[in-house]
Amino acid sequence: MASDAVTTHDAIRVKPTQDGTYTVYRGTSVLVSGLTRAQAELYEASIIQQARQQTQHVQQDAAAARSVH
């Protein structure tokens, strides 16, 4: 069963830096840095949307597999 729960090790976060740009993190890993706030928020949203689409496809595949049997 898939879960929508986000754990702290894979949470996506946007944080400001001292130079006025923004960095996007997945847990403690830097995904991208040096962005404007708008760019960072758009990047964050696209990652979340991709993860939701993947979860949806997995759930659809599982449901299709169950209906075959």
N, C-alpha and C. Protein backbone atom coordinates (compact mmCIF):
# COMPACT_ATOMS: atom_id res chain seq x y z
N MET A 1 0.84 -1.18 0.00
CA MET A 1 0.00 0.00 0.00
C MET A 1 0.88 1.24 0.00
N ALA A 2 0.64 2.16 -0.92
CA ALA A 2 1.43 3.39 -1.01
C ALA A 2 0.94 4.39 0.03
N SER A 3 1.87 5.19 0.48
CA SER A 3 1.53 6.18 1.49
C SER A 3 1.88 7.57 0.98
N ASP A 4 1.05 8.55 1.30
CA ASP A 4 1.35 9.93 0.93
C ASP A 4 2.18 10.62 2.00
N ALA A 5 2.50 9.91 3.06
CA ALA A 5 3.27 10.50 4.15
C ALA A 5 4.68 10.81 3.67
N VAL A 6 5.16 11.98 4.05
CA VAL A 6 6.52 12.38 3.71
C VAL A 6 7.35 12.31 4.97
N THR A 7 8.43 11.57 4.90
CA THR A 7 9.30 11.47 6.05
C THR A 7 10.37 12.55 5.97
N THR A 8 11.02 12.79 7.07
CA THR A 8 12.01 13.88 7.10
C THR A 8 13.20 13.61 6.20
N HIS A 9 13.50 12.33 5.93
CA HIS A 9 14.67 12.07 5.08
C HIS A 9 14.41 12.34 3.61
N ASP A 10 13.15 12.44 3.18
CA ASP A 10 12.89 12.73 1.77
C ASP A 10 12.03 13.98 1.56
N ALA A 11 11.84 14.76 2.60
CA ALA A 11 11.03 15.98 2.50
C ALA A 11 11.73 16.98 1.58
N ILE A 12 10.96 17.66 0.75
CA ILE A 12 11.48 18.69 -0.13
C ILE A 12 11.32 20.03 0.58
N ARG A 13 12.40 20.79 0.64
CA ARG A 13 12.37 22.08 1.33
C ARG A 13 13.07 23.14 0.49
N VAL A 14 12.61 24.37 0.62
CA VAL A 14 13.27 25.53 0.01
C VAL A 14 13.76 26.40 1.15
N LYS A 15 15.06 26.73 1.10
CA LYS A 15 15.63 27.56 2.17
C LYS A 15 16.42 28.71 1.56
N PRO A 16 16.31 29.89 2.16
CA PRO A 16 17.11 31.02 1.68
C PRO A 16 18.57 30.87 2.08
N THR A 17 19.46 31.46 1.29
CA THR A 17 20.88 31.44 1.62
C THR A 17 21.33 32.85 1.97
N GLN A 18 22.54 32.98 2.46
CA GLN A 18 23.06 34.29 2.88
C GLN A 18 23.24 35.25 1.71
N ASP A 19 23.41 34.72 0.51
CA ASP A 19 23.62 35.61 -0.64
C ASP A 19 22.32 36.06 -1.30
N GLY A 20 21.18 35.70 -0.70
CA GLY A 20 19.89 36.14 -1.22
C GLY A 20 19.25 35.20 -2.22
N THR A 21 19.92 34.09 -2.54
CA THR A 21 19.33 33.09 -3.42
C THR A 21 18.68 32.00 -2.58
N TYR A 22 18.10 31.03 -3.25
CA TYR A 22 17.41 29.95 -2.55
C TYR A 22 17.96 28.60 -2.99
N THR A 23 17.91 27.64 -2.06
CA THR A 23 18.38 26.28 -2.31
C THR A 23 17.24 25.32 -2.05
N VAL A 24 17.12 24.31 -2.92
CA VAL A 24 16.09 23.29 -2.77
C VAL A 24 16.78 22.02 -2.27
N TYR A 25 16.24 21.45 -1.20
CA TYR A 25 16.79 20.25 -0.57
C TYR A 25 15.80 19.11 -0.64
N ARG A 26 16.32 17.89 -0.73
CA ARG A 26 15.54 16.67 -0.47
C ARG A 26 16.22 16.06 0.74
N GLY A 27 15.56 16.15 1.89
CA GLY A 27 16.21 15.75 3.13
C GLY A 27 17.41 16.66 3.37
N THR A 28 18.59 16.08 3.49
CA THR A 28 19.80 16.89 3.70
C THR A 28 20.58 17.10 2.41
N SER A 29 20.12 16.52 1.31
CA SER A 29 20.83 16.65 0.03
C SER A 29 20.39 17.89 -0.72
N VAL A 30 21.34 18.62 -1.26
CA VAL A 30 21.04 19.79 -2.09
C VAL A 30 20.67 19.30 -3.49
N LEU A 31 19.50 19.70 -3.95
CA LEU A 31 19.09 19.36 -5.32
C LEU A 31 19.53 20.43 -6.30
N VAL A 32 19.33 21.68 -5.92
CA VAL A 32 19.71 22.81 -6.77
C VAL A 32 19.84 24.04 -5.89
N SER A 33 20.78 24.92 -6.26
CA SER A 33 20.97 26.14 -5.48
C SER A 33 21.17 27.32 -6.42
N GLY A 34 21.14 28.52 -5.85
CA GLY A 34 21.36 29.73 -6.64
C GLY A 34 20.14 30.22 -7.38
N LEU A 35 18.96 29.79 -6.93
CA LEU A 35 17.72 30.17 -7.60
C LEU A 35 17.07 31.38 -6.95
N THR A 36 16.21 32.05 -7.72
CA THR A 36 15.34 33.04 -7.11
C THR A 36 14.28 32.29 -6.32
N ARG A 37 13.56 33.00 -5.48
CA ARG A 37 12.53 32.34 -4.68
C ARG A 37 11.47 31.70 -5.58
N ALA A 38 11.05 32.44 -6.62
CA ALA A 38 10.03 31.92 -7.54
C ALA A 38 10.53 30.66 -8.25
N GLN A 39 11.77 30.66 -8.70
CA GLN A 39 12.34 29.49 -9.36
C GLN A 39 12.38 28.30 -8.40
N ALA A 40 12.81 28.55 -7.17
CA ALA A 40 12.92 27.47 -6.18
C ALA A 40 11.55 26.88 -5.85
N GLU A 41 10.55 27.72 -5.71
CA GLU A 41 9.21 27.23 -5.41
C GLU A 41 8.63 26.46 -6.59
N LEU A 42 8.91 26.90 -7.80
CA LEU A 42 8.45 26.19 -8.98
C LEU A 42 9.13 24.82 -9.08
N TYR A 43 10.41 24.78 -8.81
CA TYR A 43 11.17 23.52 -8.83
C TYR A 43 10.61 22.56 -7.78
N GLU A 44 10.37 23.09 -6.57
CA GLU A 44 9.80 22.28 -5.49
C GLU A 44 8.45 21.71 -5.91
N ALA A 45 7.60 22.54 -6.48
CA ALA A 45 6.26 22.10 -6.90
C ALA A 45 6.34 21.03 -7.98
N SER A 46 7.29 21.16 -8.90
CA SER A 46 7.40 20.18 -9.98
C SER A 46 7.85 18.82 -9.43
N ILE A 47 8.73 18.82 -8.44
CA ILE A 47 9.18 17.57 -7.83
C ILE A 47 8.01 16.89 -7.12
N ILE A 48 7.24 17.66 -6.38
CA ILE A 48 6.08 17.11 -5.66
C ILE A 48 5.06 16.56 -6.65
N GLN A 49 4.81 17.29 -7.75
CA GLN A 49 3.86 16.82 -8.75
C GLN A 49 4.34 15.52 -9.39
N GLN A 50 5.62 15.42 -9.72
CA GLN A 50 6.16 14.19 -10.31
C GLN A 50 6.00 13.01 -9.35
N ALA A 51 6.26 13.24 -8.07
CA ALA A 51 6.13 12.17 -7.08
C ALA A 51 4.68 11.70 -6.98
N ARG A 52 3.75 12.64 -7.02
CA ARG A 52 2.33 12.27 -6.96
C ARG A 52 1.92 11.48 -8.19
N GLN A 53 2.41 11.88 -9.36
CA GLN A 53 2.08 11.17 -10.59
C GLN A 53 2.65 9.75 -10.55
N GLN A 54 3.86 9.59 -10.05
CA GLN A 54 4.46 8.26 -9.93
C GLN A 54 3.63 7.39 -9.00
N THR A 55 3.24 7.95 -7.86
CA THR A 55 2.43 7.19 -6.90
C THR A 55 1.10 6.79 -7.53
N GLN A 56 0.51 7.70 -8.28
CA GLN A 56 -0.76 7.42 -8.93
C GLN A 56 -0.61 6.29 -9.95
N HIS A 57 0.48 6.31 -10.73
CA HIS A 57 0.71 5.26 -11.72
C HIS A 57 0.93 3.91 -11.05
N VAL A 58 1.66 3.90 -9.97
CA VAL A 58 1.91 2.65 -9.24
C VAL A 58 0.59 2.10 -8.71
N GLN A 59 -0.24 2.97 -8.16
CA GLN A 59 -1.54 2.52 -7.64
C GLN A 59 -2.43 1.99 -8.76
N GLN A 60 -2.41 2.66 -9.92
CA GLN A 60 -3.22 2.20 -11.05
C GLN A 60 -2.72 0.84 -11.56
N ASP A 61 -1.40 0.68 -11.63
CA ASP A 61 -0.83 -0.59 -12.06
C ASP A 61 -1.19 -1.72 -11.10
N ALA A 62 -1.15 -1.42 -9.82
CA ALA A 62 -1.49 -2.43 -8.82
C ALA A 62 -2.97 -2.81 -8.93
N ALA A 63 -3.82 -1.82 -9.13
CA ALA A 63 -5.25 -2.09 -9.26
C ALA A 63 -5.52 -2.91 -10.53
N ALA A 64 -4.82 -2.61 -11.61
CA ALA A 64 -4.99 -3.37 -12.86
C ALA A 64 -4.52 -4.81 -12.68
N ALA A 65 -3.43 -4.99 -11.95
CA ALA A 65 -2.91 -6.34 -11.71
C ALA A 65 -3.90 -7.15 -10.86
N ARG A 66 -4.54 -6.51 -9.89
CA ARG A 66 -5.50 -7.22 -9.04
C ARG A 66 -6.74 -7.60 -9.85
N SER A 67 -7.15 -6.75 -10.80
CA SER A 67 -8.36 -7.02 -11.56
C SER A 67 -8.15 -8.15 -12.58
N VAL A 68 -6.91 -8.41 -12.94
CA VAL A 68 -6.61 -9.49 -13.88
C VAL A 68 -6.78 -10.83 -13.21
N HIS A 69 -6.49 -10.92 -11.94
CA HIS A 69 -6.52 -12.20 -11.21
C HIS A 69 -7.86 -12.47 -10.68
